[in-house]
PDB file of N, CA and C in Angstrom:
ATOM      1  N   UNK A   1     337.785  40.405 280.503  1.00  0.00           N
ATOM      2  CA  UNK A   1     337.261  39.035 280.301  1.00  0.00           C
ATOM      3  C   UNK A   1     335.919  38.931 281.363  1.00  0.00           C
ATOM      4  N   UNK A   2     334.508  38.368 280.915  1.00  0.00           N
ATOM      5  CA  UNK A   2     333.339  38.371 281.670  1.00  0.00           C
ATOM      6  C   UNK A   2     333.420  37.032 282.774  1.00  0.00           C
ATOM      7  N   UNK A   3     332.878  37.568 283.708  1.00  0.00           N
ATOM      8  CA  UNK A   3     332.685  36.360 284.945  1.00  0.00           C
ATOM      9  C   UNK A   3     331.733  35.370 284.352  1.00  0.00           C
ATOM     10  N   UNK A   4     331.861  34.315 284.275  1.00  0.00           N
ATOM     11  CA  UNK A   4     330.859  33.237 283.916  1.00  0.00           C
ATOM     12  C   UNK A   4     329.673  33.143 285.060  1.00  0.00           C
ATOM     13  N   UNK A   5     328.899  32.663 284.441  1.00  0.00           N
ATOM     14  CA  UNK A   5     327.652  32.946 285.233  1.00  0.00           C
ATOM     15  C   UNK A   5     326.905  31.462 285.370  1.00  0.00           C
ATOM     16  N   UNK A   6     326.599  31.364 286.867  1.00  0.00           N
ATOM     17  CA  UNK A   6     326.181  29.933 287.018  1.00  0.00           C
ATOM     18  C   UNK A   6     325.090  29.407 286.186  1.00  0.00           C
ATOM     19  N   UNK A   7     325.254  28.048 286.274  1.00  0.00           N
ATOM     20  CA  UNK A   7     323.932  27.417 285.175  1.00  0.00           C
ATOM     21  C   UNK A   7     323.014  26.782 286.049  1.00  0.00           C
ATOM     22  N   UNK A   8     321.608  27.023 285.441  1.00  0.00           N
ATOM     23  CA  UNK A   8     320.231  26.260 286.202  1.00  0.00           C
ATOM     24  C   UNK A   8     320.543  24.918 285.599  1.00  0.00           C
ATOM     25  N   UNK A   9     319.736  24.107 285.957  1.00  0.00           N
ATOM     26  CA  UNK A   9     319.677  22.799 285.397  1.00  0.00           C
ATOM     27  C   UNK A   9     319.396  22.725 284.091  1.00  0.00           C
ATOM     28  N   UNK A  10     318.374  23.553 283.490  1.00  0.00           N
ATOM     29  CA  UNK A  10     317.864  23.330 281.951  1.00  0.00           C
ATOM     30  C   UNK A  10     317.881  24.875 281.681  1.00  0.00           C
ATOM     31  N   UNK A  11     318.479  24.873 280.579  1.00  0.00           N
ATOM     32  CA  UNK A  11     318.781  26.493 279.623  1.00  0.00           C
ATOM     33  C   UNK A  11     318.566  26.475 278.268  1.00  0.00           C
ATOM     34  N   UNK A  12     317.926  27.552 277.883  1.00  0.00           N
ATOM     35  CA  UNK A  12     317.566  28.192 276.430  1.00  0.00           C
ATOM     36  C   UNK A  12     318.414  29.426 276.217  1.00  0.00           C
ATOM     37  N   UNK A  13     319.365  29.360 275.134  1.00  0.00           N
ATOM     38  CA  UNK A  13     320.139  30.373 274.493  1.00  0.00           C
ATOM     39  C   UNK A  13     319.241  30.939 273.591  1.00  0.00           C
ATOM     40  N   UNK A  14     319.233  32.486 273.847  1.00  0.00           N
ATOM     41  CA  UNK A  14     318.419  33.109 272.610  1.00  0.00           C
ATOM     42  C   UNK A  14     319.529  33.363 271.625  1.00  0.00           C
ATOM     43  N   UNK A  15     318.953  33.474 270.291  1.00  0.00           N
ATOM     44  CA  UNK A  15     320.018  33.479 269.231  1.00  0.00           C
ATOM     45  C   UNK A  15     321.104  34.184 269.137  1.00  0.00           C
ATOM     46  N   UNK A  16     320.918  35.296 270.096  1.00  0.00           N
ATOM     47  CA  UNK A  16     322.006  36.452 270.240  1.00  0.00           C
ATOM     48  C   UNK A  16     323.013  36.053 270.967  1.00  0.00           C
ATOM     49  N   UNK A  17     322.789  34.888 272.073  1.00  0.00           N
ATOM     50  CA  UNK A  17     323.778  34.374 272.610  1.00  0.00           C
ATOM     51  C   UNK A  17     324.644  33.596 271.900  1.00  0.00           C
ATOM     52  N   UNK A  18     323.698  32.669 271.355  1.00  0.00           N
ATOM     53  CA  UNK A  18     324.510  31.676 270.218  1.00  0.00           C
ATOM     54  C   UNK A  18     325.521  32.501 269.476  1.00  0.00           C
ATOM     55  N   UNK A  19     325.039  33.720 268.807  1.00  0.00           N
ATOM     56  CA  UNK A  19     325.788  34.365 267.830  1.00  0.00           C
ATOM     57  C   UNK A  19     326.897  34.887 268.467  1.00  0.00           C
ATOM     58  N   UNK A  20     327.008  35.271 269.728  1.00  0.00           N
ATOM     59  CA  UNK A  20     327.961  35.795 270.673  1.00  0.00           C
ATOM     60  C   UNK A  20     329.269  34.900 270.910  1.00  0.00           C
ATOM     61  N   UNK A  21     328.892  33.509 271.427  1.00  0.00           N
ATOM     62  CA  UNK A  21     329.505  32.761 271.400  1.00  0.00           C
ATOM     63  C   UNK A  21     330.297  32.296 270.024  1.00  0.00           C
ATOM     64  N   UNK A  22     329.669  31.793 269.067  1.00  0.00           N
ATOM     65  CA  UNK A  22     330.201  31.420 267.868  1.00  0.00           C
ATOM     66  C   UNK A  22     330.902  32.357 266.962  1.00  0.00           C
ATOM     67  N   UNK A  23     330.869  33.873 267.623  1.00  0.00           N
ATOM     68  CA  UNK A  23     331.656  34.733 266.556  1.00  0.00           C
ATOM     69  C   UNK A  23     332.822  35.124 267.542  1.00  0.00           C
ATOM     70  N   UNK A  24     332.969  34.606 268.728  1.00  0.00           N
ATOM     71  CA  UNK A  24     334.046  34.449 269.664  1.00  0.00           C
ATOM     72  C   UNK A  24     334.264  36.293 270.061  1.00  0.00           C
ATOM     73  N   UNK A  25     333.345  36.805 270.230  1.00  0.00           N
ATOM     74  CA  UNK A  25     333.069  38.106 270.831  1.00  0.00           C
ATOM     75  C   UNK A  25     333.411  38.391 272.128  1.00  0.00           C
ATOM     76  N   UNK A  26     333.812  39.770 272.536  1.00  0.00           N
ATOM     77  CA  UNK A  26     334.196  40.181 273.963  1.00  0.00           C
ATOM     78  C   UNK A  26     333.320  39.547 274.928  1.00  0.00           C
ATOM     79  N   UNK A  27     331.991  39.219 274.559  1.00  0.00           N
ATOM     80  CA  UNK A  27     330.741  38.441 275.624  1.00  0.00           C
ATOM     81  C   UNK A  27     330.818  37.159 275.373  1.00  0.00           C
ATOM     82  N   UNK A  28     331.428  36.357 274.538  1.00  0.00           N
ATOM     83  CA  UNK A  28     331.189  35.255 274.393  1.00  0.00           C
ATOM     84  C   UNK A  28     331.604  34.223 275.804  1.00  0.00           C
ATOM     85  N   UNK A  29     332.585  34.742 276.464  1.00  0.00           N
ATOM     86  CA  UNK A  29     332.449  33.938 277.868  1.00  0.00           C
ATOM     87  C   UNK A  29     331.313  33.902 278.750  1.00  0.00           C
ATOM     88  N   UNK A  30     330.401  34.940 278.225  1.00  0.00           N
ATOM     89  CA  UNK A  30     329.032  34.954 279.200  1.00  0.00           C
ATOM     90  C   UNK A  30     328.226  33.713 279.381  1.00  0.00           C
ATOM     91  N   UNK A  31     328.558  33.484 277.702  1.00  0.00           N
ATOM     92  CA  UNK A  31     327.618  32.002 277.027  1.00  0.00           C
ATOM     93  C   UNK A  31     328.274  30.740 277.269  1.00  0.00           C
ATOM     94  N   UNK A  32     329.453  31.033 277.119  1.00  0.00           N
ATOM     95  CA  UNK A  32     330.458  29.761 277.217  1.00  0.00           C
ATOM     96  C   UNK A  32     330.037  28.701 277.904  1.00  0.00           C
ATOM     97  N   UNK A  33     329.863  28.918 279.278  1.00  0.00           N
ATOM     98  CA  UNK A  33     329.325  27.765 280.191  1.00  0.00           C
ATOM     99  C   UNK A  33     328.230  27.094 279.786  1.00  0.00           C
ATOM    100  N   UNK A  34     327.039  27.803 279.275  1.00  0.00           N
ATOM    101  CA  UNK A  34     325.929  27.176 278.586  1.00  0.00           C
ATOM    102  C   UNK A  34     325.987  26.200 277.327  1.00  0.00           C
ATOM    103  N   UNK A  35     326.940  26.739 276.622  1.00  0.00           N
ATOM    104  CA  UNK A  35     327.013  26.005 275.373  1.00  0.00           C
ATOM    105  C   UNK A  35     327.846  24.822 275.719  1.00  0.00           C
ATOM    106  N   UNK A  36     328.788  24.851 276.472  1.00  0.00           N
ATOM    107  CA  UNK A  36     329.868  23.920 276.526  1.00  0.00           C
ATOM    108  C   UNK A  36     329.119  22.821 277.949  1.00  0.00           C
ATOM    109  N   UNK A  37     327.797  23.158 277.984  1.00  0.00           N
ATOM    110  CA  UNK A  37     327.085  22.107 278.816  1.00  0.00           C
ATOM    111  C   UNK A  37     325.832  21.899 277.991  1.00  0.00           C
ATOM    112  N   UNK A  38     326.123  21.084 276.329  1.00  0.00           N
ATOM    113  CA  UNK A  38     324.952  20.835 275.610  1.00  0.00           C
ATOM    114  C   UNK A  38     323.882  19.706 276.471  1.00  0.00           C
ATOM    115  N   UNK A  39     324.225  18.956 277.687  1.00  0.00           N
ATOM    116  CA  UNK A  39     323.147  18.251 278.046  1.00  0.00           C
ATOM    117  C   UNK A  39     322.260  18.785 278.965  1.00  0.00           C
ATOM    118  N   UNK A  40     322.591  20.248 279.038  1.00  0.00           N
ATOM    119  CA  UNK A  40     321.526  21.030 279.856  1.00  0.00           C
ATOM    120  C   UNK A  40     320.899  22.100 278.777  1.00  0.00           C
ATOM    121  N   UNK A  41     321.172  21.989 277.938  1.00  0.00           N
ATOM    122  CA  UNK A  41     320.450  22.887 276.723  1.00  0.00           C
ATOM    123  C   UNK A  41     319.237  22.356 276.091  1.00  0.00           C
ATOM    124  N   UNK A  42     318.352  23.239 276.057  1.00  0.00           N
ATOM    125  CA  UNK A  42     317.225  22.933 275.140  1.00  0.00           C
ATOM    126  C   UNK A  42     317.243  24.009 273.978  1.00  0.00           C
ATOM    127  N   UNK A  43     317.201  23.783 272.642  1.00  0.00           N
ATOM    128  CA  UNK A  43     317.547  24.424 271.765  1.00  0.00           C
ATOM    129  C   UNK A  43     315.966  24.329 270.941  1.00  0.00           C
ATOM    130  N   UNK A  44     315.406  25.979 271.062  1.00  0.00           N
ATOM    131  CA  UNK A  44     314.036  25.866 270.019  1.00  0.00           C
ATOM    132  C   UNK A  44     314.510  25.859 268.354  1.00  0.00           C
ATOM    133  N   UNK A  45     313.734  25.272 267.795  1.00  0.00           N
ATOM    134  CA  UNK A  45     314.006  24.912 266.175  1.00  0.00           C
ATOM    135  C   UNK A  45     314.013  26.319 265.727  1.00  0.00           C
ATOM    136  N   UNK A  46     313.483  27.404 266.374  1.00  0.00           N
ATOM    137  CA  UNK A  46     313.478  28.544 265.601  1.00  0.00           C
ATOM    138  C   UNK A  46     315.034  29.237 265.866  1.00  0.00           C
ATOM    139  N   UNK A  47     315.307  29.198 266.793  1.00  0.00           N
ATOM    140  CA  UNK A  47     316.993  29.632 267.312  1.00  0.00           C
ATOM    141  C   UNK A  47     317.928  28.813 266.317  1.00  0.00           C
ATOM    142  N   UNK A  48     317.672  27.452 266.115  1.00  0.00           N
ATOM    143  CA  UNK A  48     318.531  27.038 264.930  1.00  0.00           C
ATOM    144  C   UNK A  48     318.343  27.880 263.933  1.00  0.00           C
ATOM    145  N   UNK A  49     317.323  28.058 263.033  1.00  0.00           N
ATOM    146  CA  UNK A  49     316.859  28.751 261.822  1.00  0.00           C
ATOM    147  C   UNK A  49     317.714  30.047 261.854  1.00  0.00           C
ATOM    148  N   UNK A  50     317.370  30.913 263.113  1.00  0.00           N
ATOM    149  CA  UNK A  50     317.848  32.359 263.337  1.00  0.00           C
ATOM    150  C   UNK A  50     319.294  32.151 263.143  1.00  0.00           C
ATOM    151  N   UNK A  51     319.881  31.409 263.947  1.00  0.00           N
ATOM    152  CA  UNK A  51     321.738  31.394 263.885  1.00  0.00           C
ATOM    153  C   UNK A  51     322.164  31.072 262.607  1.00  0.00           C
ATOM    154  N   UNK A  52     321.480  29.597 261.797  1.00  0.00           N
ATOM    155  CA  UNK A  52     322.011  29.338 260.831  1.00  0.00           C
ATOM    156  C   UNK A  52     321.959  30.114 259.418  1.00  0.00           C
ATOM    157  N   UNK A  53     320.748  30.928 259.730  1.00  0.00           N
ATOM    158  CA  UNK A  53     320.675  31.830 258.413  1.00  0.00           C
ATOM    159  C   UNK A  53     321.454  32.823 258.528  1.00  0.00           C
ATOM    160  N   UNK A  54     321.650  33.263 259.553  1.00  0.00           N
ATOM    161  CA  UNK A  54     322.693  34.771 260.025  1.00  0.00           C
ATOM    162  C   UNK A  54     323.876  34.191 259.272  1.00  0.00           C
ATOM    163  N   UNK A  55     324.376  33.179 259.770  1.00  0.00           N
ATOM    164  CA  UNK A  55     325.886  32.530 259.636  1.00  0.00           C
ATOM    165  C   UNK A  55     326.199  32.290 258.291  1.00  0.00           C
ATOM    166  N   UNK A  56     325.053  31.828 257.592  1.00  0.00           N
ATOM    167  CA  UNK A  56     325.174  31.451 256.357  1.00  0.00           C
ATOM    168  C   UNK A  56     325.343  32.728 255.172  1.00  0.00           C
ATOM    169  N   UNK A  57     324.572  33.706 255.751  1.00  0.00           N
ATOM    170  CA  UNK A  57     324.616  35.170 255.138  1.00  0.00           C
ATOM    171  C   UNK A  57     325.736  35.898 254.962  1.00  0.00           C
ATOM    172  N   UNK A  58     326.123  35.807 256.504  1.00  0.00           N
ATOM    173  CA  UNK A  58     327.421  36.682 256.984  1.00  0.00           C
ATOM    174  C   UNK A  58     328.860  35.843 256.924  1.00  0.00           C
ATOM    175  N   UNK A  59     328.629  34.713 257.204  1.00  0.00           N
ATOM    176  CA  UNK A  59     330.260  33.820 257.552  1.00  0.00           C
ATOM    177  C   UNK A  59     330.098  32.688 256.496  1.00  0.00           C
ATOM    178  N   UNK A  60     329.237  32.077 255.760  1.00  0.00           N
ATOM    179  CA  UNK A  60     329.224  30.861 254.944  1.00  0.00           C
ATOM    180  C   UNK A  60     328.894  29.692 255.634  1.00  0.00           C
ATOM    181  N   UNK A  61     328.994  28.865 254.571  1.00  0.00           N
ATOM    182  CA  UNK A  61     328.618  27.833 254.699  1.00  0.00           C
ATOM    183  C   UNK A  61     329.077  26.861 256.031  1.00  0.00           C
ATOM    184  N   UNK A  62     330.417  26.972 255.951  1.00  0.00           N
ATOM    185  CA  UNK A  62     331.034  26.068 257.036  1.00  0.00           C
ATOM    186  C   UNK A  62     330.701  26.541 258.030  1.00  0.00           C
ATOM    187  N   UNK A  63     331.061  27.578 258.493  1.00  0.00           N
ATOM    188  CA  UNK A  63     330.507  28.354 259.944  1.00  0.00           C
ATOM    189  C   UNK A  63     328.765  28.089 260.346  1.00  0.00           C
ATOM    190  N   UNK A  64     327.893  28.071 258.979  1.00  0.00           N
ATOM    191  CA  UNK A  64     326.848  27.496 259.619  1.00  0.00           C
ATOM    192  C   UNK A  64     326.506  26.103 259.837  1.00  0.00           C
ATOM    193  N   UNK A  65     327.040  25.142 259.077  1.00  0.00           N
ATOM    194  CA  UNK A  65     327.221  23.969 259.212  1.00  0.00           C
ATOM    195  C   UNK A  65     327.548  23.604 260.773  1.00  0.00           C
ATOM    196  N   UNK A  66     328.856  24.113 260.968  1.00  0.00           N
ATOM    197  CA  UNK A  66     329.329  24.006 262.404  1.00  0.00           C
ATOM    198  C   UNK A  66     328.694  24.480 263.251  1.00  0.00           C
ATOM    199  N   UNK A  67     327.971  25.508 263.048  1.00  0.00           N
ATOM    200  CA  UNK A  67     326.933  25.799 264.421  1.00  0.00           C
ATOM    201  C   UNK A  67     325.777  24.828 264.540  1.00  0.00           C
ATOM    202  N   UNK A  68     325.438  24.242 263.346  1.00  0.00           N
ATOM    203  CA  UNK A  68     324.327  23.561 263.254  1.00  0.00           C
ATOM    204  C   UNK A  68     324.587  21.964 263.951  1.00  0.00           C
ATOM    205  N   UNK A  69     325.838  21.821 263.870  1.00  0.00           N
ATOM    206  CA  UNK A  69     326.312  20.309 264.312  1.00  0.00           C
ATOM    207  C   UNK A  69     326.601  20.621 265.919  1.00  0.00           C
ATOM    208  N   UNK A  70     327.011  21.736 266.286  1.00  0.00           N
ATOM    209  CA  UNK A  70     327.165  21.998 267.882  1.00  0.00           C
ATOM    210  C   UNK A  70     325.505  22.205 268.372  1.00  0.00           C
ATOM    211  N   UNK A  71     324.826  23.028 267.785  1.00  0.00           N
ATOM    212  CA  UNK A  71     323.293  23.052 268.442  1.00  0.00           C
ATOM    213  C   UNK A  71     322.599  21.650 268.498  1.00  0.00           C
ATOM    214  N   UNK A  72     322.997  20.972 267.655  1.00  0.00           N
ATOM    215  CA  UNK A  72     322.205  19.625 267.464  1.00  0.00           C
ATOM    216  C   UNK A  72     322.794  18.357 268.574  1.00  0.00           C
ATOM    217  N   UNK A  73     323.768  18.946 269.473  1.00  0.00           N
ATOM    218  CA  UNK A  73     324.449  18.117 270.418  1.00  0.00           C
ATOM    219  C   UNK A  73     323.458  17.961 271.608  1.00  0.00           C
ATOM    220  N   UNK A  74     322.411  19.053 271.642  1.00  0.00           N
ATOM    221  CA  UNK A  74     321.320  19.449 272.602  1.00  0.00           C
ATOM    222  C   UNK A  74     320.198  18.927 271.929  1.00  0.00           C
ATOM    223  N   UNK A  75     319.226  19.108 273.029  1.00  0.00           N
ATOM    224  CA  UNK A  75     318.039  18.638 272.822  1.00  0.00           C
ATOM    225  C   UNK A  75     317.171  19.780 271.949  1.00  0.00           C
ATOM    226  N   UNK A  76     317.038  19.464 270.747  1.00  0.00           N
ATOM    227  CA  UNK A  76     316.362  20.244 269.402  1.00  0.00           C
ATOM    228  C   UNK A  76     314.948  20.165 269.797  1.00  0.00           C
ATOM    229  N   UNK A  77     313.981  21.511 269.996  1.00  0.00           N
ATOM    230  CA  UNK A  77     312.392  21.358 270.162  1.00  0.00           C
ATOM    231  C   UNK A  77     311.781  21.939 269.162  1.00  0.00           C
ATOM    232  N   UNK A  78     310.789  21.203 268.776  1.00  0.00           N
ATOM    233  CA  UNK A  78     310.170  21.804 267.279  1.00  0.00           C
ATOM    234  C   UNK A  78     308.841  22.327 267.909  1.00  0.00           C
ATOM    235  N   UNK A  79     308.217  23.303 266.832  1.00  0.00           N
ATOM    236  CA  UNK A  79     307.263  23.863 267.359  1.00  0.00           C
ATOM    237  C   UNK A  79     305.929  22.997 266.995  1.00  0.00           C
ATOM    238  N   UNK A  80     305.283  22.957 268.083  1.00  0.00           N
ATOM    239  CA  UNK A  80     303.987  21.740 268.131  1.00  0.00           C
ATOM    240  C   UNK A  80     302.772  22.739 268.755  1.00  0.00           C
ATOM    241  N   UNK A  81     301.605  22.122 268.497  1.00  0.00           N
ATOM    242  CA  UNK A  81     300.529  22.951 268.899  1.00  0.00           C
ATOM    243  C   UNK A  81     300.267  23.817 270.399  1.00  0.00           C
ATOM    244  N   UNK A  82     300.644  22.617 271.344  1.00  0.00           N
ATOM    245  CA  UNK A  82     300.561  23.542 272.951  1.00  0.00           C
ATOM    246  C   UNK A  82     301.692  24.600 272.740  1.00  0.00           C
ATOM    247  N   UNK A  83     302.771  24.508 272.144  1.00  0.00           N
ATOM    248  CA  UNK A  83     303.729  25.505 272.244  1.00  0.00           C
ATOM    249  C   UNK A  83     303.365  27.088 271.521  1.00  0.00           C
ATOM    250  N   UNK A  84     302.711  26.419 270.183  1.00  0.00           N
ATOM    251  CA  UNK A  84     302.329  27.688 269.568  1.00  0.00           C
ATOM    252  C   UNK A  84     301.297  28.422 270.379  1.00  0.00           C
ATOM    253  N   UNK A  85     300.505  27.535 270.798  1.00  0.00           N
ATOM    254  CA  UNK A  85     299.263  28.375 271.699  1.00  0.00           C
ATOM    255  C   UNK A  85     299.570  29.099 272.785  1.00  0.00           C
ATOM    256  N   UNK A  86     300.752  28.574 273.664  1.00  0.00           N
ATOM    257  CA  UNK A  86     301.058  29.401 274.737  1.00  0.00           C
ATOM    258  C   UNK A  86     301.882  30.550 274.161  1.00  0.00           C
ATOM    259  N   UNK A  87     302.714  30.231 273.195  1.00  0.00           N
ATOM    260  CA  UNK A  87     303.385  31.347 272.664  1.00  0.00           C
ATOM    261  C   UNK A  87     302.358  32.805 272.074  1.00  0.00           C
ATOM    262  N   UNK A  88     301.272  32.319 271.574  1.00  0.00           N
ATOM    263  CA  UNK A  88     300.269  33.421 271.007  1.00  0.00           C
ATOM    264  C   UNK A  88     300.042  34.109 272.390  1.00  0.00           C
ATOM    265  N   UNK A  89     299.717  33.617 273.840  1.00  0.00           N
ATOM    266  CA  UNK A  89     299.225  34.379 274.658  1.00  0.00           C
ATOM    267  C   UNK A  89     300.129  35.335 275.567  1.00  0.00           C
ATOM    268  N   UNK A  90     301.749  35.134 275.273  1.00  0.00           N
ATOM    269  CA  UNK A  90     302.378  36.000 275.919  1.00  0.00           C
ATOM    270  C   UNK A  90     302.985  37.355 275.813  1.00  0.00           C
ATOM    271  N   UNK A  91     302.300  37.648 274.547  1.00  0.00           N
ATOM    272  CA  UNK A  91     302.267  39.174 274.249  1.00  0.00           C
ATOM    273  C   UNK A  91     303.799  39.574 273.609  1.00  0.00           C
ATOM    274  N   UNK A  92     304.673  38.721 273.306  1.00  0.00           N
ATOM    275  CA  UNK A  92     305.862  39.042 272.756  1.00  0.00           C
ATOM    276  C   UNK A  92     306.104  38.702 271.232  1.00  0.00           C
ATOM    277  N   UNK A  93     306.775  39.364 270.740  1.00  0.00           N
ATOM    278  CA  UNK A  93     306.765  39.234 269.137  1.00  0.00           C
ATOM    279  C   UNK A  93     307.132  37.718 268.880  1.00  0.00           C
ATOM    280  N   UNK A  94     306.656  37.370 267.801  1.00  0.00           N
ATOM    281  CA  UNK A  94     306.793  35.947 267.083  1.00  0.00           C
ATOM    282  C   UNK A  94     307.954  35.072 267.391  1.00  0.00           C
ATOM    283  N   UNK A  95     309.326  35.403 267.011  1.00  0.00           N
ATOM    284  CA  UNK A  95     310.169  34.528 267.443  1.00  0.00           C
ATOM    285  C   UNK A  95     310.394  34.479 268.912  1.00  0.00           C
ATOM    286  N   UNK A  96     310.346  35.657 269.308  1.00  0.00           N
ATOM    287  CA  UNK A  96     310.664  35.628 271.156  1.00  0.00           C
ATOM    288  C   UNK A  96     309.419  35.381 271.736  1.00  0.00           C
ATOM    289  N   UNK A  97     308.197  34.949 271.384  1.00  0.00           N
ATOM    290  CA  UNK A  97     307.371  34.351 272.140  1.00  0.00           C
ATOM    291  C   UNK A  97     307.638  33.039 271.701  1.00  0.00           C
ATOM    292  N   UNK A  98     307.952  32.385 270.436  1.00  0.00           N
ATOM    293  CA  UNK A  98     308.157  30.752 270.859  1.00  0.00           C
ATOM    294  C   UNK A  98     309.181  30.401 271.484  1.00  0.00           C
ATOM    295  N   UNK A  99     310.462  31.381 271.787  1.00  0.00           N
ATOM    296  CA  UNK A  99     311.803  31.056 272.203  1.00  0.00           C
ATOM    297  C   UNK A  99     311.539  30.951 273.909  1.00  0.00           C
ATOM    298  N   UNK A 100     310.467  31.878 274.279  1.00  0.00           N
ATOM    299  CA  UNK A 100     310.176  31.991 275.534  1.00  0.00           C
ATOM    300  C   UNK A 100     309.323  30.865 276.091  1.00  0.00           C
ATOM    301  N   UNK A 101     308.282  30.501 275.080  1.00  0.00           N
ATOM    302  CA  UNK A 101     307.316  29.366 275.462  1.00  0.00           C
ATOM    303  C   UNK A 101     308.289  28.041 275.555  1.00  0.00           C
ATOM    304  N   UNK A 102     309.275  27.930 274.651  1.00  0.00           N
ATOM    305  CA  UNK A 102     309.902  26.663 274.607  1.00  0.00           C
ATOM    306  C   UNK A 102     310.439  26.551 276.227  1.00  0.00           C
ATOM    307  N   UNK A 103     311.272  27.797 276.538  1.00  0.00           N
ATOM    308  CA  UNK A 103     311.925  27.841 277.967  1.00  0.00           C
ATOM    309  C   UNK A 103     310.581  27.161 278.977  1.00  0.00           C
ATOM    310  N   UNK A 104     309.751  28.134 278.926  1.00  0.00           N
ATOM    311  CA  UNK A 104     308.696  27.554 279.882  1.00  0.00           C
ATOM    312  C   UNK A 104     308.187  26.443 279.969  1.00  0.00           C
ATOM    313  N   UNK A 105     307.952  25.701 278.693  1.00  0.00           N
ATOM    314  CA  UNK A 105     307.606  24.267 278.418  1.00  0.00           C
ATOM    315  C   UNK A 105     308.663  23.399 278.751  1.00  0.00           C
ATOM    316  N   UNK A 106     309.417  23.522 279.163  1.00  0.00           N
ATOM    317  CA  UNK A 106     310.786  22.577 279.398  1.00  0.00           C
ATOM    318  C   UNK A 106     311.357  23.022 280.918  1.00  0.00           C
ATOM    319  N   UNK A 107     310.663  23.834 281.465  1.00  0.00           N
ATOM    320  CA  UNK A 107     311.215  24.465 282.691  1.00  0.00           C
ATOM    321  C   UNK A 107     312.860  24.767 282.779  1.00  0.00           C
ATOM    322  N   UNK A 108     312.917  25.504 281.716  1.00  0.00           N
ATOM    323  CA  UNK A 108     314.263  25.916 281.698  1.00  0.00           C
ATOM    324  C   UNK A 108     314.325  27.236 281.675  1.00  0.00           C
ATOM    325  N   UNK A 109     315.786  27.830 282.199  1.00  0.00           N
ATOM    326  CA  UNK A 109     315.979  29.409 282.296  1.00  0.00           C
ATOM    327  C   UNK A 109     316.369  29.748 280.888  1.00  0.00           C
ATOM    328  N   UNK A 110     316.008  30.878 280.341  1.00  0.00           N
ATOM    329  CA  UNK A 110     316.215  31.855 279.089  1.00  0.00           C
ATOM    330  C   UNK A 110     317.179  32.723 279.736  1.00  0.00           C
ATOM    331  N   UNK A 111     318.594  32.586 278.510  1.00  0.00           N
ATOM    332  CA  UNK A 111     319.594  33.655 278.711  1.00  0.00           C
ATOM    333  C   UNK A 111     319.041  34.233 277.238  1.00  0.00           C
ATOM    334  N   UNK A 112     319.457  35.568 277.652  1.00  0.00           N
ATOM    335  CA  UNK A 112     318.857  36.365 276.602  1.00  0.00           C
ATOM    336  C   UNK A 112     319.816  37.840 276.746  1.00  0.00           C
ATOM    337  N   UNK A 113     320.129  38.384 275.543  1.00  0.00           N
ATOM    338  CA  UNK A 113     320.232  39.866 275.331  1.00  0.00           C
ATOM    339  C   UNK A 113     319.174  40.983 274.775  1.00  0.00           C
ATOM    340  N   UNK A 114     318.156  40.332 274.705  1.00  0.00           N
ATOM    341  CA  UNK A 114     316.970  41.063 274.279  1.00  0.00           C
ATOM    342  C   UNK A 114     316.055  41.917 275.320  1.00  0.00           C
ATOM    343  N   UNK A 115     315.943  42.932 275.259  1.00  0.00           N
ATOM    344  CA  UNK A 115     315.206  43.661 276.042  1.00  0.00           C
ATOM    345  C   UNK A 115     313.808  43.263 276.013  1.00  0.00           C
ATOM    346  N   UNK A 116     313.054  42.955 275.373  1.00  0.00           N
ATOM    347  CA  UNK A 116     311.697  42.284 275.335  1.00  0.00           C
ATOM    348  C   UNK A 116     311.664  41.590 276.479  1.00  0.00           C
ATOM    349  N   UNK A 117     312.522  40.786 276.863  1.00  0.00           N
ATOM    350  CA  UNK A 117     312.534  39.497 278.075  1.00  0.00           C
ATOM    351  C   UNK A 117     312.967  40.260 279.393  1.00  0.00           C
ATOM    352  N   UNK A 118     313.302  41.464 279.556  1.00  0.00           N
ATOM    353  CA  UNK A 118     313.760  41.913 280.916  1.00  0.00           C
ATOM    354  C   UNK A 118     312.492  41.543 281.651  1.00  0.00           C
ATOM    355  N   UNK A 119     312.768  41.348 282.590  1.00  0.00           N
ATOM    356  CA  UNK A 119     311.880  41.198 284.001  1.00  0.00           C
ATOM    357  C   UNK A 119     310.706  40.029 283.880  1.00  0.00           C
ATOM    358  N   UNK A 120     310.940  39.205 282.849  1.00  0.00           N
ATOM    359  CA  UNK A 120     309.817  37.829 282.799  1.00  0.00           C
ATOM    360  C   UNK A 120     310.466  36.888 283.885  1.00  0.00           C
ATOM    361  N   UNK A 121     309.568  35.848 284.211  1.00  0.00           N
ATOM    362  CA  UNK A 121     309.649  34.835 284.904  1.00  0.00           C
ATOM    363  C   UNK A 121     310.822  34.008 284.078  1.00  0.00           C
ATOM    364  N   UNK A 122     311.811  33.270 284.865  1.00  0.00           N
ATOM    365  CA  UNK A 122     312.709  32.545 284.433  1.00  0.00           C
ATOM    366  C   UNK A 122     313.444  33.014 283.187  1.00  0.00           C
ATOM    367  N   UNK A 123     313.691  34.288 283.002  1.00  0.00           N
ATOM    368  CA  UNK A 123     314.935  35.064 282.295  1.00  0.00           C
ATOM    369  C   UNK A 123     316.018  35.182 282.786  1.00  0.00           C
ATOM    370  N   UNK A 124     317.084  35.272 282.448  1.00  0.00           N
ATOM    371  CA  UNK A 124     318.406  35.712 283.039  1.00  0.00           C
ATOM    372  C   UNK A 124     318.841  36.852 281.684  1.00  0.00           C
ATOM    373  N   UNK A 125     318.637  38.190 282.070  1.00  0.00           N
ATOM    374  CA  UNK A 125     318.736  39.030 281.111  1.00  0.00           C
ATOM    375  C   UNK A 125     320.396  39.701 280.962  1.00  0.00           C
ATOM    376  N   UNK A 126     321.134  39.698 279.907  1.00  0.00           N
ATOM    377  CA  UNK A 126     322.371  40.011 279.652  1.00  0.00           C
ATOM    378  C   UNK A 126     322.416  41.555 278.890  1.00  0.00           C
ATOM    379  N   UNK A 127     322.125  42.472 279.636  1.00  0.00           N
ATOM    380  CA  UNK A 127     321.861  43.835 278.873  1.00  0.00           C
ATOM    381  C   UNK A 127     323.176  44.102 278.190  1.00  0.00           C
ATOM    382  N   UNK A 128     322.962  44.640 276.993  1.00  0.00           N
ATOM    383  CA  UNK A 128     324.500  44.786 276.260  1.00  0.00           C
ATOM    384  C   UNK A 128     325.147  46.410 276.605  1.00  0.00           C
ATOM    385  N   UNK A 129     326.336  46.649 276.545  1.00  0.00           N
ATOM    386  CA  UNK A 129     326.694  47.675 276.993  1.00  0.00           C
ATOM    387  C   UNK A 129     326.303  49.035 276.317  1.00  0.00           C
TER     388      UNK A 129
END
């Protein structure tokens, strides 16, 4: 069982973190404190898309609908012009750049398992074993 990680005031979870939690994998406990504090979460609309699409494909409509309901308990952030222009400048791939820009715009710490983010300001990186 993984040790829970202390929470920042505002958090963004990358899609892979949501998927670990929703699938109840051995790493789910790493991300449970964040998911279970919806008042602290900022959810990029792109993350909603990625999670719902994957769950619909792999687990069915019921799992995708449950995930959507859970994610909507937090602040879901759409992509606007300021966010898009900041994302264009951060040098990351499209989805990653929008997720990172969302975290920066909301003074939130980004939790991720994606090596693209390692070492960036405001990121808590959880390397996969």
